Amino acid sequence: QSHPRVVAQSYPRVMAQSHSRVMADFHQEENLADERSTEAPSIAARTVSCPLPEDPGAAVASRSARILVFIFLCQGVQMFMSYDGGAVPASLDTLQELFHGSWSEFELGVLGAMDKVGMVATSLPWGWALQRCNPKLLLTISLLINAMATFVFGWLPAKALMFLAKLMMGATQSLQGVWATVWTVNMAPPGHK
């Protein structure tokens, strides 16, 4: 058996030798890798290649034009149409004053939810209509109806009309949401879907 002091003294020398062998092996492997990279590519590397996926949106518009459509029509229009989602809660006190406190908490809750009910109820029919009708015509009509419903909601102080207007606002916003999703999926570059 070795004496502990002899083992302790020889340990640094053994580690240094081991380290130098490991480093030599590492540099030898590195040199081999460099030699391989300068050689001609292997048969597999030369014959196997995947074609780039086609971009179906490129036939319709350039990438920069599609980015603008996405920003302004897909995101911007939805953003402006969704302002009413925060306008109703912000104007609850004004509604109570205007109607002399006749709104119950339930009615205020239903009023705030009517646009969401309209969105859910009309998402499937809008998807069907987008497949069969001109999307530009549908979107134009939808935006006009949304503007009229917003006007009715803001200017006619009748509870029933306000409920109906909020429902119509949601129904027309749903078309924009469905169209924007479908357009984005169809027109996005293949690597960004």
Protein backbone atom coordinates (compact mmCIF):
# COMPACT_ATOMS: atom_id res chain seq x y z
CA GLN A 1 0.00 0.00 0.00
CA SER A 2 1.07 3.53 -0.72
CA HIS A 3 1.69 5.98 1.97
CA PRO A 4 -0.91 8.85 1.94
CA ARG A 5 1.85 11.46 1.69
CA VAL A 6 3.34 9.79 -1.43
CA VAL A 7 -0.10 9.61 -3.07
CA ALA A 8 -0.80 13.25 -2.24
CA GLN A 9 2.56 14.35 -3.71
CA SER A 10 2.11 12.34 -6.92
CA TYR A 11 -1.49 13.47 -7.51
CA PRO A 12 -0.64 16.81 -9.20
CA ARG A 13 1.85 15.08 -11.54
CA VAL A 14 -0.71 12.40 -12.52
CA MET A 15 -3.38 15.05 -13.12
CA ALA A 16 -1.02 17.12 -15.28
CA GLN A 17 -0.14 14.08 -17.39
CA SER A 18 -3.81 13.14 -17.71
CA HIS A 19 -4.72 16.71 -18.70
CA SER A 20 -2.00 16.84 -21.36
CA ARG A 21 -3.23 13.51 -22.86
CA VAL A 22 -6.85 14.75 -22.94
CA MET A 23 -5.84 18.02 -24.58
CA ALA A 24 -3.72 16.19 -27.17
CA ASP A 25 -6.66 13.93 -28.03
CA PHE A 26 -8.93 16.99 -28.28
CA HIS A 27 -6.59 18.81 -30.68
CA GLN A 28 -6.18 15.67 -32.79
CA GLU A 29 -9.99 15.35 -33.13
CA GLU A 30 -10.25 19.06 -33.92
CA ASN A 31 -7.64 18.71 -36.73
CA LEU A 32 -9.51 15.72 -38.17
CA ALA A 33 -12.76 17.70 -38.16
CA ASP A 34 -11.06 20.58 -40.01
CA GLU A 35 -9.71 18.16 -42.63
CA ARG A 36 -13.17 16.64 -43.10
CA SER A 37 -14.79 20.06 -43.57
CA THR A 38 -12.40 20.97 -46.40
CA GLU A 39 -13.10 17.71 -48.25
CA ALA A 40 -15.96 17.38 -50.74
CA PRO A 41 -19.35 16.81 -49.10
CA SER A 42 -20.42 13.24 -48.64
CA ILE A 43 -22.84 11.58 -51.04
CA ALA A 44 -25.71 11.97 -48.59
CA ALA A 45 -25.00 15.67 -48.14
CA ARG A 46 -24.87 16.21 -51.91
CA THR A 47 -28.02 14.32 -52.86
CA VAL A 48 -30.40 14.99 -50.00
CA SER A 49 -31.95 18.43 -49.98
CA CYS A 50 -35.43 19.64 -49.26
CA PRO A 51 -37.05 22.22 -51.47
CA LEU A 52 -38.09 25.43 -49.78
CA PRO A 53 -41.82 25.51 -49.07
CA GLU A 54 -43.80 27.66 -51.44
CA ASP A 55 -45.31 30.89 -50.20
CA PRO A 56 -48.92 30.96 -51.47
CA GLY A 57 -49.37 34.55 -50.33
CA ALA A 58 -46.60 35.72 -52.67
CA ALA A 59 -48.98 35.22 -55.61
CA VAL A 60 -51.40 37.70 -54.03
CA ALA A 61 -49.12 40.43 -52.67
CA SER A 62 -45.56 41.14 -51.69
CA ARG A 63 -44.43 40.33 -48.18
CA SER A 64 -44.29 44.01 -47.16
CA ALA A 65 -47.85 44.55 -48.44
CA ARG A 66 -49.04 41.55 -46.45
CA ILE A 67 -47.33 42.89 -43.33
CA LEU A 68 -49.20 46.21 -43.77
CA VAL A 69 -52.52 44.38 -44.23
CA PHE A 70 -51.81 42.36 -41.10
CA ILE A 71 -50.94 45.42 -39.02
CA PHE A 72 -53.71 47.75 -40.18
CA LEU A 73 -56.59 45.45 -41.07
CA CYS A 74 -56.05 42.34 -38.98
CA GLN A 75 -54.81 44.06 -35.84
CA GLY A 76 -55.70 47.75 -36.16
CA VAL A 77 -59.37 47.34 -37.09
CA GLN A 78 -59.89 44.82 -34.31
CA MET A 79 -58.22 47.18 -31.87
CA PHE A 80 -60.48 50.09 -32.78
CA MET A 81 -63.59 47.92 -32.83
CA SER A 82 -62.74 46.59 -29.38
CA TYR A 83 -62.63 50.02 -27.74
CA ASP A 84 -66.30 49.64 -26.83
CA GLY A 85 -65.30 46.72 -24.60
CA GLY A 86 -63.74 49.23 -22.23
CA ALA A 87 -66.16 52.08 -22.97
CA VAL A 88 -69.18 50.41 -21.37
CA PRO A 89 -67.54 49.68 -18.01
CA ALA A 90 -66.06 53.19 -17.99
CA SER A 91 -69.47 54.76 -18.61
CA LEU A 92 -71.56 52.78 -16.09
CA ASP A 93 -71.92 55.78 -13.77
CA THR A 94 -73.06 57.96 -16.69
CA LEU A 95 -75.59 55.31 -17.76
CA GLN A 96 -77.02 55.18 -14.23
CA GLU A 97 -77.33 58.98 -14.14
CA LEU A 98 -78.88 59.11 -17.62
CA PHE A 99 -81.47 56.47 -16.76
CA HIS A 100 -81.98 57.75 -13.17
CA GLY A 101 -80.58 54.62 -11.55
CA SER A 102 -82.97 52.24 -13.33
CA TRP A 103 -80.23 49.81 -14.46
CA SER A 104 -79.90 46.76 -12.23
CA GLU A 105 -76.54 45.06 -11.75
CA PHE A 106 -77.85 42.15 -13.81
CA GLU A 107 -78.80 44.43 -16.71
CA LEU A 108 -75.42 46.13 -16.64
CA GLY A 109 -73.71 42.74 -16.67
CA VAL A 110 -75.82 41.55 -19.60
CA LEU A 111 -75.14 44.80 -21.45
CA GLY A 112 -71.40 44.29 -21.01
CA ALA A 113 -71.66 40.68 -22.23
CA MET A 114 -73.93 41.20 -25.26
CA ASP A 115 -71.09 41.87 -27.71
CA LYS A 116 -69.33 38.69 -26.56
CA VAL A 117 -72.56 36.73 -27.03
CA GLY A 118 -72.84 38.18 -30.55
CA MET A 119 -69.25 37.17 -31.33
CA VAL A 120 -69.75 33.59 -30.18
CA ALA A 121 -73.14 33.20 -31.85
CA THR A 122 -71.98 34.42 -35.25
CA SER A 123 -68.44 33.03 -35.59
CA LEU A 124 -69.53 29.85 -37.38
CA PRO A 125 -71.96 31.56 -39.79
CA TRP A 126 -69.28 34.12 -40.69
CA GLY A 127 -66.81 31.33 -41.42
CA TRP A 128 -69.35 29.72 -43.74
CA ALA A 129 -70.11 33.08 -45.42
CA LEU A 130 -66.41 33.84 -45.94
CA GLN A 131 -66.05 30.59 -47.89
CA ARG A 132 -68.95 31.41 -50.21
CA CYS A 133 -69.06 35.20 -50.58
CA ASN A 134 -66.70 38.02 -51.48
CA PRO A 135 -64.69 38.79 -48.30
CA LYS A 136 -64.23 42.47 -49.22
CA LEU A 137 -67.97 42.95 -49.58
CA LEU A 138 -68.67 41.13 -46.31
CA LEU A 139 -66.06 43.14 -44.42
CA THR A 140 -67.34 46.44 -45.83
CA ILE A 141 -70.94 45.66 -44.90
CA SER A 142 -69.83 44.43 -41.48
CA LEU A 143 -67.88 47.61 -40.73
CA LEU A 144 -70.84 49.78 -41.81
CA ILE A 145 -73.24 47.80 -39.61
CA ASN A 146 -70.77 48.05 -36.75
CA ALA A 147 -70.58 51.83 -37.16
CA MET A 148 -74.39 52.11 -37.23
CA ALA A 149 -74.75 49.88 -34.17
CA THR A 150 -72.17 51.95 -32.32
CA PHE A 151 -74.10 55.11 -33.23
CA VAL A 152 -77.39 53.57 -32.03
CA PHE A 153 -75.74 52.47 -28.79
CA GLY A 154 -74.35 55.93 -28.12
CA TRP A 155 -77.29 58.13 -29.11
CA LEU A 156 -80.57 56.32 -28.46
CA PRO A 157 -81.22 56.05 -24.72
CA ALA A 158 -83.45 52.97 -24.76
CA LYS A 159 -82.38 49.81 -22.96
CA ALA A 160 -83.71 47.39 -25.59
CA LEU A 161 -81.95 49.25 -28.40
CA MET A 162 -78.73 49.36 -26.41
CA PHE A 163 -78.85 45.59 -25.87
CA LEU A 164 -79.55 45.00 -29.56
CA ALA A 165 -76.81 47.43 -30.61
CA LYS A 166 -74.23 45.68 -28.41
CA LEU A 167 -75.30 42.32 -29.85
CA MET A 168 -74.88 43.66 -33.40
CA MET A 169 -71.53 45.19 -32.52
CA GLY A 170 -70.29 41.78 -31.37
CA ALA A 171 -71.74 40.02 -34.41
CA THR A 172 -69.90 42.36 -36.78
CA GLN A 173 -66.68 42.21 -34.77
CA SER A 174 -66.82 38.44 -35.06
CA LEU A 175 -66.49 38.61 -38.84
CA GLN A 176 -63.34 40.68 -38.51
CA GLY A 177 -61.91 38.20 -36.00
CA VAL A 178 -62.68 35.15 -38.14
CA TRP A 179 -61.42 36.81 -41.34
CA ALA A 180 -58.20 38.06 -39.71
CA THR A 181 -57.38 34.60 -38.40
CA VAL A 182 -58.06 32.89 -41.73
CA TRP A 183 -56.20 35.57 -43.69
CA THR A 184 -53.18 35.37 -41.39
CA VAL A 185 -52.97 31.58 -41.66
CA ASN A 186 -53.32 31.66 -45.46
CA MET A 187 -51.03 34.59 -46.21
CA ALA A 188 -48.24 34.20 -43.66
CA PRO A 189 -44.87 33.09 -45.05
CA PRO A 190 -44.38 29.32 -44.57
CA GLY A 191 -41.75 29.71 -41.87
CA HIS A 192 -43.93 32.04 -39.79
CA LYS A 193 -47.22 30.14 -39.54
